[in-house]
Structure formats: C-alpha cells, structure tokens
C-alpha cells in the first residue's frame, strides 16, 4: 500500500505580513526562499537541507518596522504546515534527537511530535545581532513553530563563541531531529502512543 504524500500548503495574510509556504516531509532537501530576511533564508535553507525536506517560502512583511512580524509569522506557517503534513501520524518514530557541531559551537535539539506544545530554550549568544538579524528572534521563531506544530521542542546550545555558528548549529539540528521524528518506522503499528492517538 502506497503511503500518502506528506505535504502541506499554508497561506497567511495579515496587515503585517503576506506569506505563502509549502512543505514536504519526504523531500530532497531543496528550498526556494524569498523572505526579505536574508539570515532567515540561510537558516531555513540549512533546516530543509539537513532535514531532507522540501520547503518553499514567499514572504513580505513590515520590515521597515523590524523583522519581528515576518520571522514570527513564518514560524507560525511552518508549524501549521508541519502539523498538516504529518496527517494522522501513523507509523512515525515520533521522537527525534540531534547533536550538531558547527566549528566551536555545539547544539542539541530534541523533539516529540506529541500534539502537546511545549518549548524549552537554553541558549545564550555573545552578540545581540548577526548582521541586521536580532538573535532574540530565534526564540520567537522556534516557539511559534513548536506551538503551531503542537510539538515538544527542546533546544540546548551547549557552547560556542560565534553567534552565527551557534544559530546555524541549532537550525541544522532542528532539521535532523525532525527528520528522525517524522520518519516512518515499519515496526510502529498505528500511532506510537498508548493513548492510541497523537
């Protein structure tokens, strides 16, 4: 029996942003990203590549104010797309854990596709910005992703010195942890929960 294609399309239009996002879990690691936030483009490209996801994002926002609304709303859309693409979650591994080094930095991301949103974030950076990108928006993006995907997301930045490297390690680890959690395990019958539903 052929497994259903795990894809989703999300469109979100507000007075602050206009976003169109498509996401495929069983992809090839390709991305097409037009977000006006160039550092986020770089991070999403890494996420897709290391998660073997296909991701397309077109986003316009009120970046003349700041990047906050655009980054937040992309996190919302990606979380919604992940949740929709997972469907009934039958056969998935559910849990994922990834350590990723980036030169001197080491990040760990642990996920549970539990249908219970929770976010733990243990990260401190030596600088408040990478170029024009405020590092506080990493938290904002990841929290909205976890909330809308209804997943447990734990992010631990063990150490590092270069802020770019540190954030890059987090996004690579996020992709790899979600790749593991969304993978189909032939040993799993139904959903991997004693409740019988996720």
N, C-alpha and C. Protein backbone atom coordinates (compact mmCIF):
# COMPACT_ATOMS: atom_id res chain seq x y z
N UNK A 1 0.86 -1.20 0.00
CA UNK A 1 0.00 0.00 0.00
C UNK A 1 0.89 1.24 0.00
N UNK A 2 0.65 2.14 -0.92
CA UNK A 2 1.47 3.34 -1.04
C UNK A 2 1.10 4.34 0.04
N UNK A 3 2.15 4.90 0.64
CA UNK A 3 1.92 5.85 1.72
C UNK A 3 1.49 7.20 1.13
N UNK A 4 0.60 7.87 1.83
CA UNK A 4 0.09 9.17 1.40
C UNK A 4 1.21 10.19 1.38
N UNK A 5 1.21 11.04 0.36
CA UNK A 5 2.21 12.10 0.26
C UNK A 5 2.04 13.07 1.41
N UNK A 6 3.12 13.33 2.12
CA UNK A 6 3.05 14.17 3.32
C UNK A 6 3.51 15.59 2.97
N UNK A 7 2.56 16.37 2.49
CA UNK A 7 2.83 17.74 2.07
C UNK A 7 1.76 18.67 2.62
N UNK A 8 2.06 19.95 2.61
CA UNK A 8 1.08 20.95 3.05
C UNK A 8 1.40 22.30 2.42
N UNK A 9 0.35 23.08 2.22
CA UNK A 9 0.46 24.44 1.72
C UNK A 9 -0.27 25.36 2.71
N UNK A 10 0.40 26.41 3.16
CA UNK A 10 -0.19 27.35 4.10
C UNK A 10 -0.03 28.76 3.56
N UNK A 11 -1.12 29.51 3.58
CA UNK A 11 -1.09 30.93 3.20
C UNK A 11 -1.60 31.75 4.37
N UNK A 12 -0.90 32.83 4.67
CA UNK A 12 -1.28 33.68 5.80
C UNK A 12 -1.13 35.14 5.38
N UNK A 13 -2.20 35.88 5.47
CA UNK A 13 -2.18 37.30 5.11
C UNK A 13 -2.76 38.12 6.25
N UNK A 14 -1.98 39.04 6.74
CA UNK A 14 -2.42 39.96 7.79
C UNK A 14 -2.05 41.38 7.37
N UNK A 15 -2.34 42.34 8.22
CA UNK A 15 -1.91 43.71 7.95
C UNK A 15 -0.40 43.88 8.08
N UNK A 16 0.27 42.85 8.63
CA UNK A 16 1.71 42.94 8.87
C UNK A 16 2.53 42.08 7.90
N UNK A 17 1.95 40.95 7.45
CA UNK A 17 2.71 40.04 6.59
C UNK A 17 1.82 39.39 5.54
N UNK A 18 2.47 38.92 4.49
CA UNK A 18 1.81 38.15 3.43
C UNK A 18 2.74 36.98 3.12
N UNK A 19 2.31 35.77 3.49
CA UNK A 19 3.19 34.62 3.43
C UNK A 19 2.51 33.47 2.70
N UNK A 20 3.27 32.82 1.82
CA UNK A 20 2.85 31.59 1.18
C UNK A 20 3.97 30.58 1.40
N UNK A 21 3.61 29.41 1.96
CA UNK A 21 4.62 28.42 2.33
C UNK A 21 4.15 27.03 1.94
N UNK A 22 5.01 26.27 1.30
CA UNK A 22 4.73 24.86 1.02
C UNK A 22 5.84 24.01 1.61
N UNK A 23 5.45 22.82 2.10
CA UNK A 23 6.37 21.98 2.86
C UNK A 23 6.12 20.53 2.52
N UNK A 24 7.18 19.79 2.26
CA UNK A 24 7.09 18.35 2.02
C UNK A 24 8.04 17.64 2.96
N UNK A 25 7.50 16.72 3.76
CA UNK A 25 8.33 15.97 4.71
C UNK A 25 9.29 15.05 3.97
N UNK A 26 8.79 14.33 2.98
CA UNK A 26 9.60 13.34 2.27
C UNK A 26 10.19 13.96 1.01
N UNK A 27 11.08 14.90 1.23
CA UNK A 27 11.63 15.65 0.12
C UNK A 27 13.07 15.29 -0.19
N UNK A 28 13.75 16.23 -0.84
CA UNK A 28 15.13 16.03 -1.27
C UNK A 28 16.07 17.06 -0.66
N UNK A 29 15.54 17.85 0.28
CA UNK A 29 16.39 18.88 0.89
C UNK A 29 16.50 20.14 0.06
N UNK A 30 15.53 20.40 -0.78
CA UNK A 30 15.58 21.58 -1.63
C UNK A 30 14.75 22.71 -1.03
N UNK A 31 15.15 23.93 -1.34
CA UNK A 31 14.40 25.09 -0.82
C UNK A 31 14.40 26.22 -1.83
N UNK A 32 13.30 26.95 -1.82
CA UNK A 32 13.17 28.19 -2.57
C UNK A 32 12.64 29.23 -1.59
N UNK A 33 13.48 30.20 -1.25
CA UNK A 33 13.19 31.08 -0.12
C UNK A 33 13.30 32.54 -0.52
N UNK A 34 12.21 33.26 -0.32
CA UNK A 34 12.17 34.69 -0.58
C UNK A 34 11.46 35.34 0.60
N UNK A 35 12.21 35.72 1.64
CA UNK A 35 11.58 36.19 2.86
C UNK A 35 11.90 37.63 3.24
N UNK A 36 12.78 38.31 2.52
CA UNK A 36 13.24 39.66 2.86
C UNK A 36 14.13 39.68 4.10
N UNK A 37 14.23 38.55 4.79
CA UNK A 37 15.11 38.43 5.96
C UNK A 37 16.20 37.45 5.55
N UNK A 38 17.31 37.95 5.08
CA UNK A 38 18.29 37.11 4.40
C UNK A 38 18.94 36.09 5.34
N UNK A 39 19.16 36.45 6.58
CA UNK A 39 19.73 35.49 7.53
C UNK A 39 18.76 34.34 7.77
N UNK A 40 17.46 34.64 7.83
CA UNK A 40 16.48 33.57 7.99
C UNK A 40 16.43 32.68 6.75
N UNK A 41 16.58 33.26 5.57
CA UNK A 41 16.67 32.44 4.36
C UNK A 41 17.78 31.41 4.50
N UNK A 42 18.93 31.87 4.97
CA UNK A 42 20.09 30.99 5.15
C UNK A 42 19.78 29.87 6.14
N UNK A 43 19.14 30.22 7.26
CA UNK A 43 18.83 29.22 8.29
C UNK A 43 17.78 28.22 7.80
N UNK A 44 16.77 28.69 7.09
CA UNK A 44 15.73 27.79 6.57
C UNK A 44 16.28 26.86 5.50
N UNK A 45 17.23 27.35 4.71
CA UNK A 45 17.88 26.51 3.73
C UNK A 45 18.63 25.37 4.41
N UNK A 46 19.34 25.69 5.50
CA UNK A 46 20.05 24.66 6.27
C UNK A 46 19.07 23.66 6.88
N UNK A 47 17.98 24.17 7.44
CA UNK A 47 16.94 23.33 8.03
C UNK A 47 16.41 22.33 7.01
N UNK A 48 16.05 22.81 5.83
CA UNK A 48 15.50 21.94 4.79
C UNK A 48 16.54 20.93 4.31
N UNK A 49 17.76 21.39 4.10
CA UNK A 49 18.80 20.51 3.58
C UNK A 49 19.10 19.37 4.54
N UNK A 50 19.24 19.69 5.81
CA UNK A 50 19.62 18.68 6.79
C UNK A 50 18.44 17.83 7.24
N UNK A 51 17.22 18.31 7.03
CA UNK A 51 16.04 17.51 7.34
C UNK A 51 15.52 16.71 6.16
N UNK A 52 16.13 16.92 4.99
CA UNK A 52 15.67 16.28 3.74
C UNK A 52 14.22 16.66 3.45
N UNK A 53 13.88 17.91 3.79
CA UNK A 53 12.55 18.44 3.50
C UNK A 53 12.62 19.31 2.24
N UNK A 54 11.49 19.45 1.58
CA UNK A 54 11.36 20.45 0.51
C UNK A 54 10.55 21.61 1.07
N UNK A 55 11.09 22.81 0.92
CA UNK A 55 10.47 23.98 1.54
C UNK A 55 10.48 25.15 0.57
N UNK A 56 9.32 25.74 0.39
CA UNK A 56 9.21 26.96 -0.40
C UNK A 56 8.52 28.01 0.45
N UNK A 57 9.13 29.19 0.52
CA UNK A 57 8.56 30.28 1.30
C UNK A 57 8.66 31.57 0.50
N UNK A 58 7.53 32.23 0.36
CA UNK A 58 7.50 33.59 -0.17
C UNK A 58 6.86 34.46 0.89
N UNK A 59 7.59 35.45 1.36
CA UNK A 59 7.07 36.26 2.46
C UNK A 59 7.43 37.73 2.27
N UNK A 60 6.44 38.57 2.48
CA UNK A 60 6.65 40.02 2.54
C UNK A 60 6.08 40.50 3.86
N UNK A 61 6.78 41.43 4.48
CA UNK A 61 6.33 41.93 5.77
C UNK A 61 6.75 43.36 6.01
N UNK A 62 6.36 43.86 7.17
CA UNK A 62 6.65 45.26 7.52
C UNK A 62 8.07 45.38 8.09
N UNK A 63 9.05 45.00 7.25
CA UNK A 63 10.43 45.02 7.73
C UNK A 63 10.96 46.44 7.93
N UNK A 64 10.22 47.43 7.44
CA UNK A 64 10.63 48.82 7.73
C UNK A 64 10.46 49.13 9.22
N UNK A 65 9.62 48.36 9.91
CA UNK A 65 9.49 48.47 11.37
C UNK A 65 10.60 47.65 12.02
N UNK A 66 10.56 46.34 11.80
CA UNK A 66 11.64 45.42 12.14
C UNK A 66 11.30 44.06 11.57
N UNK A 67 12.12 43.06 11.86
CA UNK A 67 11.91 41.72 11.30
C UNK A 67 10.94 40.87 12.10
N UNK A 68 10.48 41.36 13.23
CA UNK A 68 9.75 40.53 14.19
C UNK A 68 8.53 39.85 13.57
N UNK A 69 7.64 40.61 12.98
CA UNK A 69 6.39 40.04 12.48
C UNK A 69 6.64 39.01 11.38
N UNK A 70 7.60 39.31 10.51
CA UNK A 70 7.89 38.39 9.40
C UNK A 70 8.45 37.07 9.93
N UNK A 71 9.41 37.14 10.83
CA UNK A 71 10.02 35.91 11.37
C UNK A 71 8.99 35.12 12.17
N UNK A 72 8.22 35.81 13.00
CA UNK A 72 7.19 35.14 13.81
C UNK A 72 6.17 34.44 12.93
N UNK A 73 5.69 35.11 11.90
CA UNK A 73 4.63 34.54 11.08
C UNK A 73 5.13 33.40 10.20
N UNK A 74 6.38 33.44 9.80
CA UNK A 74 6.94 32.30 9.07
C UNK A 74 7.02 31.09 10.00
N UNK A 75 7.39 31.31 11.25
CA UNK A 75 7.37 30.22 12.23
C UNK A 75 5.98 29.64 12.42
N UNK A 76 4.98 30.50 12.46
CA UNK A 76 3.59 30.05 12.57
C UNK A 76 3.21 29.20 11.36
N UNK A 77 3.53 29.68 10.17
CA UNK A 77 3.16 28.96 8.95
C UNK A 77 3.88 27.63 8.84
N UNK A 78 5.17 27.60 9.18
CA UNK A 78 5.91 26.35 9.10
C UNK A 78 5.37 25.33 10.10
N UNK A 79 5.02 25.78 11.30
CA UNK A 79 4.43 24.88 12.29
C UNK A 79 3.11 24.31 11.81
N UNK A 80 2.26 25.15 11.24
CA UNK A 80 0.98 24.68 10.72
C UNK A 80 1.18 23.69 9.58
N UNK A 81 2.16 23.97 8.72
CA UNK A 81 2.42 23.08 7.59
C UNK A 81 2.95 21.73 8.05
N UNK A 82 3.84 21.75 9.04
CA UNK A 82 4.37 20.50 9.57
C UNK A 82 3.24 19.66 10.17
N UNK A 83 2.39 20.29 10.94
CA UNK A 83 1.28 19.56 11.57
C UNK A 83 0.34 18.97 10.52
N UNK A 84 0.02 19.75 9.51
CA UNK A 84 -0.88 19.27 8.45
C UNK A 84 -0.24 18.15 7.65
N UNK A 85 1.03 18.31 7.32
CA UNK A 85 1.72 17.31 6.50
C UNK A 85 1.84 15.97 7.22
N UNK A 86 1.92 15.99 8.54
CA UNK A 86 2.03 14.76 9.31
C UNK A 86 0.75 13.93 9.29
N UNK A 87 -0.36 14.56 9.03
CA UNK A 87 -1.62 13.84 8.96
C UNK A 87 -1.95 13.14 10.27
N UNK A 88 -2.30 11.86 10.20
CA UNK A 88 -2.69 11.13 11.41
C UNK A 88 -1.49 10.59 12.21
N UNK A 89 -0.28 10.80 11.69
CA UNK A 89 0.97 10.42 12.35
C UNK A 89 1.17 8.91 12.48
N UNK A 90 0.42 8.14 11.75
CA UNK A 90 0.57 6.69 11.84
C UNK A 90 1.95 6.26 11.34
N UNK A 91 2.61 5.44 12.13
CA UNK A 91 3.88 4.86 11.73
C UNK A 91 5.11 5.70 11.98
N UNK A 92 4.94 6.93 12.47
CA UNK A 92 6.12 7.78 12.66
C UNK A 92 6.91 7.36 13.90
N UNK A 93 8.18 7.74 13.91
CA UNK A 93 9.00 7.46 15.09
C UNK A 93 8.61 8.34 16.28
N UNK A 94 8.10 9.54 16.00
CA UNK A 94 7.59 10.48 16.98
C UNK A 94 8.69 11.29 17.67
N UNK A 95 9.74 10.66 18.12
CA UNK A 95 10.82 11.35 18.84
C UNK A 95 12.03 11.54 17.93
N UNK A 96 12.72 12.64 18.15
CA UNK A 96 13.96 12.89 17.42
C UNK A 96 14.95 13.63 18.29
N UNK A 97 16.22 13.31 18.13
CA UNK A 97 17.28 13.94 18.91
C UNK A 97 18.49 14.11 18.01
N UNK A 98 19.06 15.30 17.97
CA UNK A 98 20.22 15.54 17.13
C UNK A 98 21.21 16.48 17.81
N UNK A 99 22.46 16.08 17.82
CA UNK A 99 23.57 16.95 18.19
C UNK A 99 24.25 17.39 16.90
N UNK A 100 24.51 18.68 16.76
CA UNK A 100 25.21 19.17 15.58
C UNK A 100 26.30 20.15 16.01
N UNK A 101 27.55 19.86 15.64
CA UNK A 101 28.62 20.83 15.86
C UNK A 101 28.73 21.77 14.66
N UNK A 102 29.09 23.00 14.92
CA UNK A 102 29.44 23.94 13.86
C UNK A 102 30.70 24.65 14.32
N UNK A 103 31.83 24.15 13.87
CA UNK A 103 33.12 24.62 14.36
C UNK A 103 33.16 24.55 15.89
N UNK A 104 33.24 25.68 16.56
CA UNK A 104 33.39 25.67 18.03
C UNK A 104 32.06 25.53 18.76
N UNK A 105 30.95 25.60 18.05
CA UNK A 105 29.61 25.57 18.67
C UNK A 105 29.02 24.16 18.63
N UNK A 106 28.23 23.84 19.65
CA UNK A 106 27.54 22.56 19.69
C UNK A 106 26.09 22.79 20.14
N UNK A 107 25.15 22.36 19.30
CA UNK A 107 23.73 22.50 19.60
C UNK A 107 23.07 21.13 19.64
N UNK A 108 22.04 21.05 20.46
CA UNK A 108 21.22 19.83 20.56
C UNK A 108 19.76 20.22 20.46
N UNK A 109 19.02 19.48 19.66
CA UNK A 109 17.58 19.69 19.53
C UNK A 109 16.88 18.34 19.74
N UNK A 110 15.88 18.34 20.62
CA UNK A 110 15.11 17.14 20.91
C UNK A 110 13.64 17.46 20.69
N UNK A 111 12.95 16.60 19.94
CA UNK A 111 11.54 16.86 19.63
C UNK A 111 10.68 15.65 19.96
N UNK A 112 9.43 15.94 20.28
CA UNK A 112 8.40 14.92 20.46
C UNK A 112 7.16 15.44 19.75
N UNK A 113 6.73 14.74 18.72
CA UNK A 113 5.54 15.14 17.96
C UNK A 113 4.30 14.65 18.70
N UNK A 114 4.08 15.23 19.84
CA UNK A 114 3.16 14.70 20.85
C UNK A 114 1.75 15.26 20.78
N UNK A 115 1.55 16.31 19.98
CA UNK A 115 0.30 17.07 19.98
C UNK A 115 0.13 17.87 21.28
N UNK A 116 1.22 18.03 22.02
CA UNK A 116 1.23 18.88 23.22
C UNK A 116 2.34 19.91 23.05
N UNK A 117 1.99 21.14 22.74
CA UNK A 117 3.04 22.15 22.50
C UNK A 117 3.77 22.53 23.78
N UNK A 118 5.08 22.45 23.73
CA UNK A 118 5.93 22.90 24.83
C UNK A 118 7.28 23.27 24.24
N UNK A 119 7.88 24.32 24.79
CA UNK A 119 9.16 24.82 24.26
C UNK A 119 10.11 25.11 25.40
N UNK A 120 11.28 24.50 25.35
CA UNK A 120 12.37 24.80 26.28
C UNK A 120 13.55 25.29 25.45
N UNK A 121 14.15 26.38 25.92
CA UNK A 121 15.19 27.04 25.13
C UNK A 121 16.33 27.42 26.06
N UNK A 122 17.46 26.80 25.86
CA UNK A 122 18.65 27.08 26.66
C UNK A 122 19.74 27.56 25.72
N UNK A 123 19.76 28.86 25.47
CA UNK A 123 20.73 29.41 24.53
C UNK A 123 21.07 30.85 24.92
N UNK A 124 22.34 31.12 24.98
CA UNK A 124 22.84 32.47 25.20
C UNK A 124 23.90 32.77 24.16
N UNK A 125 23.82 33.96 23.59
CA UNK A 125 24.71 34.34 22.50
C UNK A 125 25.64 35.49 22.92
N UNK A 126 26.84 35.51 22.36
CA UNK A 126 27.77 36.59 22.71
C UNK A 126 27.40 37.94 22.11
N UNK A 127 26.54 37.93 21.06
CA UNK A 127 26.14 39.20 20.46
C UNK A 127 24.63 39.23 20.27
N UNK A 128 24.06 40.41 20.29
CA UNK A 128 22.61 40.58 20.20
C UNK A 128 22.11 40.52 18.76
N UNK A 129 23.02 40.61 17.79
CA UNK A 129 22.62 40.57 16.39
C UNK A 129 23.64 39.81 15.56
N UNK A 130 23.15 39.22 14.47
CA UNK A 130 24.01 38.70 13.41
C UNK A 130 23.71 39.55 12.19
N UNK A 131 24.61 40.42 11.81
CA UNK A 131 24.29 41.40 10.79
C UNK A 131 23.14 42.27 11.27
N UNK A 132 22.04 42.26 10.52
CA UNK A 132 20.85 43.03 10.90
C UNK A 132 19.81 42.18 11.63
N UNK A 133 20.13 40.90 11.87
CA UNK A 133 19.15 39.98 12.44
C UNK A 133 19.30 39.90 13.96
N UNK A 134 18.25 40.27 14.73
CA UNK A 134 18.31 40.18 16.19
C UNK A 134 18.25 38.71 16.64
N UNK A 135 19.17 38.32 17.48
CA UNK A 135 19.22 36.92 17.92
C UNK A 135 17.99 36.54 18.75
N UNK A 136 17.31 37.49 19.36
CA UNK A 136 16.10 37.16 20.14
C UNK A 136 15.00 36.58 19.26
N UNK A 137 15.09 36.81 17.95
CA UNK A 137 14.06 36.30 17.05
C UNK A 137 14.21 34.80 16.80
N UNK A 138 15.36 34.22 17.14
CA UNK A 138 15.48 32.76 17.07
C UNK A 138 14.49 32.13 18.03
N UNK A 139 14.43 32.65 19.24
CA UNK A 139 13.45 32.16 20.23
C UNK A 139 12.03 32.33 19.71
N UNK A 140 11.74 33.50 19.16
CA UNK A 140 10.38 33.79 18.68
C UNK A 140 9.98 32.81 17.59
N UNK A 141 10.87 32.56 16.64
CA UNK A 141 10.58 31.65 15.54
C UNK A 141 10.34 30.23 16.05
N UNK A 142 11.23 29.74 16.90
CA UNK A 142 11.15 28.36 17.37
C UNK A 142 9.93 28.14 18.26
N UNK A 143 9.60 29.12 19.09
CA UNK A 143 8.45 28.99 19.97
C UNK A 143 7.16 28.91 19.16
N UNK A 144 7.02 29.75 18.14
CA UNK A 144 5.81 29.72 17.32
C UNK A 144 5.75 28.45 16.48
N UNK A 145 6.91 27.97 16.03
CA UNK A 145 6.96 26.69 15.33
C UNK A 145 6.44 25.56 16.22
N UNK A 146 6.94 25.49 17.45
CA UNK A 146 6.52 24.43 18.38
C UNK A 146 5.04 24.53 18.70
N UNK A 147 4.57 25.76 18.91
CA UNK A 147 3.17 25.98 19.28
C UNK A 147 2.23 25.52 18.17
N UNK A 148 2.52 25.94 16.94
CA UNK A 148 1.62 25.64 15.83
C UNK A 148 1.74 24.20 15.36
N UNK A 149 2.91 23.61 15.50
CA UNK A 149 3.08 22.19 15.15
C UNK A 149 2.56 21.29 16.26
N UNK A 150 2.29 21.88 17.42
CA UNK A 150 1.84 21.16 18.61
C UNK A 150 2.83 20.04 18.96
N UNK A 151 4.08 20.48 19.12
CA UNK A 151 5.13 19.52 19.46
C UNK A 151 5.92 20.00 20.67
N UNK A 152 6.55 19.07 21.32
CA UNK A 152 7.55 19.36 22.33
C UNK A 152 8.84 19.68 21.61
N UNK A 153 9.43 20.81 21.92
CA UNK A 153 10.69 21.21 21.28
C UNK A 153 11.65 21.70 22.35
N UNK A 154 12.77 21.01 22.49
CA UNK A 154 13.80 21.39 23.44
C UNK A 154 15.06 21.74 22.67
N UNK A 155 15.56 22.95 22.87
CA UNK A 155 16.75 23.43 22.19
C UNK A 155 17.80 23.77 23.24
N UNK A 156 18.95 23.13 23.12
CA UNK A 156 20.03 23.34 24.09
C UNK A 156 21.30 23.71 23.32
N UNK A 157 21.77 24.91 23.53
CA UNK A 157 23.03 25.34 22.94
C UNK A 157 24.11 25.10 23.99
N UNK A 158 24.88 24.06 23.81
CA UNK A 158 25.82 23.64 24.85
C UNK A 158 26.96 24.63 25.02
N UNK A 159 27.49 25.12 23.89
CA UNK A 159 28.55 26.12 23.97
C UNK A 159 28.83 26.68 22.58
N UNK A 160 29.62 27.73 22.55
CA UNK A 160 30.00 28.35 21.29
C UNK A 160 30.54 29.74 21.54
N UNK A 161 31.16 30.30 20.53
CA UNK A 161 31.72 31.65 20.64
C UNK A 161 31.23 32.57 19.53
N UNK A 162 30.93 32.00 18.37
CA UNK A 162 30.50 32.79 17.23
C UNK A 162 28.98 32.66 17.09
N UNK A 163 28.29 33.77 17.17
CA UNK A 163 26.82 33.74 17.18
C UNK A 163 26.25 33.12 15.92
N UNK A 164 26.82 33.43 14.77
CA UNK A 164 26.35 32.83 13.52
C UNK A 164 26.48 31.31 13.58
N UNK A 165 27.62 30.82 14.01
CA UNK A 165 27.83 29.38 14.11
C UNK A 165 26.82 28.74 15.07
N UNK A 166 26.55 29.40 16.16
CA UNK A 166 25.67 28.86 17.19
C UNK A 166 24.24 28.70 16.67
N UNK A 167 23.74 29.73 15.99
CA UNK A 167 22.38 29.66 15.45
C UNK A 167 22.32 28.66 14.30
N UNK A 168 23.37 28.62 13.49
CA UNK A 168 23.42 27.66 12.39
C UNK A 168 23.35 26.23 12.92
N UNK A 169 24.08 25.95 13.98
CA UNK A 169 24.06 24.60 14.57
C UNK A 169 22.65 24.23 15.03
N UNK A 170 21.91 25.22 15.59
CA UNK A 170 20.55 24.96 16.06
C UNK A 170 19.64 24.58 14.90
N UNK A 171 19.70 25.32 13.80
CA UNK A 171 18.80 25.05 12.68
C UNK A 171 19.15 23.73 11.98
N UNK A 172 20.43 23.40 11.91
CA UNK A 172 20.80 22.10 11.35
C UNK A 172 20.30 20.98 12.25
N UNK A 173 20.46 21.15 13.56
CA UNK A 173 20.00 20.12 14.50
C UNK A 173 18.48 20.00 14.47
N UNK A 174 17.79 21.12 14.30
CA UNK A 174 16.33 21.08 14.19
C UNK A 174 15.90 20.24 12.99
N UNK A 175 16.54 20.46 11.86
CA UNK A 175 16.21 19.67 10.68
C UNK A 175 16.46 18.19 10.89
N UNK A 176 17.58 17.86 11.48
CA UNK A 176 17.92 16.45 11.68
C UNK A 176 17.03 15.78 12.72
N UNK A 177 16.69 16.50 13.79
CA UNK A 177 15.80 15.92 14.81
C UNK A 177 14.41 15.69 14.24
N UNK A 178 13.90 16.64 13.45
CA UNK A 178 12.58 16.46 12.85
C UNK A 178 12.59 15.39 11.77
N UNK A 179 13.70 15.25 11.08
CA UNK A 179 13.81 14.18 10.10
C UNK A 179 13.65 12.82 10.78
N UNK A 180 14.30 12.68 11.92
CA UNK A 180 14.18 11.42 12.67
C UNK A 180 12.76 11.21 13.19
N UNK A 181 12.18 12.25 13.78
CA UNK A 181 10.86 12.13 14.40
C UNK A 181 9.76 11.85 13.38
N UNK A 182 9.90 12.41 12.18
CA UNK A 182 8.86 12.24 11.15
C UNK A 182 9.06 10.97 10.33
N UNK A 183 10.20 10.30 10.50
CA UNK A 183 10.49 9.10 9.73
C UNK A 183 9.49 7.99 10.05
N UNK A 184 9.19 7.21 9.04
CA UNK A 184 8.30 6.06 9.21
C UNK A 184 9.11 4.86 9.70
N UNK A 185 8.65 4.27 10.78
CA UNK A 185 9.26 3.07 11.34
C UNK A 185 8.32 1.90 11.06
N UNK A 186 8.73 0.92 10.25
CA UNK A 186 7.82 -0.18 9.90
C UNK A 186 7.39 -1.01 11.10
N UNK A 187 8.08 -0.88 12.22
CA UNK A 187 7.69 -1.62 13.42
C UNK A 187 6.51 -0.99 14.13
N UNK A 188 6.25 0.28 13.84
CA UNK A 188 5.17 1.01 14.52
C UNK A 188 3.84 0.69 13.86
N UNK A 189 2.93 0.15 14.61
CA UNK A 189 1.58 -0.13 14.13
C UNK A 189 0.64 0.96 14.66
N UNK A 190 0.02 1.69 13.76
CA UNK A 190 -0.81 2.81 14.20
C UNK A 190 0.06 3.97 14.62
N UNK A 191 -0.36 4.65 15.68
CA UNK A 191 0.42 5.78 16.18
C UNK A 191 1.24 5.33 17.40
N UNK A 192 2.43 5.92 17.58
CA UNK A 192 3.29 5.49 18.68
C UNK A 192 2.89 6.13 20.01
N UNK A 193 1.76 5.73 20.53
CA UNK A 193 1.26 6.25 21.81
C UNK A 193 0.32 5.23 22.43
N UNK A 194 0.42 5.06 23.73
CA UNK A 194 -0.51 4.17 24.43
C UNK A 194 -1.91 4.74 24.46
N UNK A 195 -2.04 6.05 24.18
CA UNK A 195 -3.37 6.67 24.12
C UNK A 195 -4.12 6.27 22.87
N UNK A 196 -3.38 5.81 21.86
CA UNK A 196 -4.00 5.45 20.59
C UNK A 196 -4.20 6.61 19.65
N UNK A 197 -3.74 7.80 20.06
CA UNK A 197 -3.88 8.98 19.21
C UNK A 197 -2.79 9.98 19.59
N UNK A 198 -2.34 10.73 18.59
CA UNK A 198 -1.39 11.81 18.83
C UNK A 198 -2.00 13.11 18.29
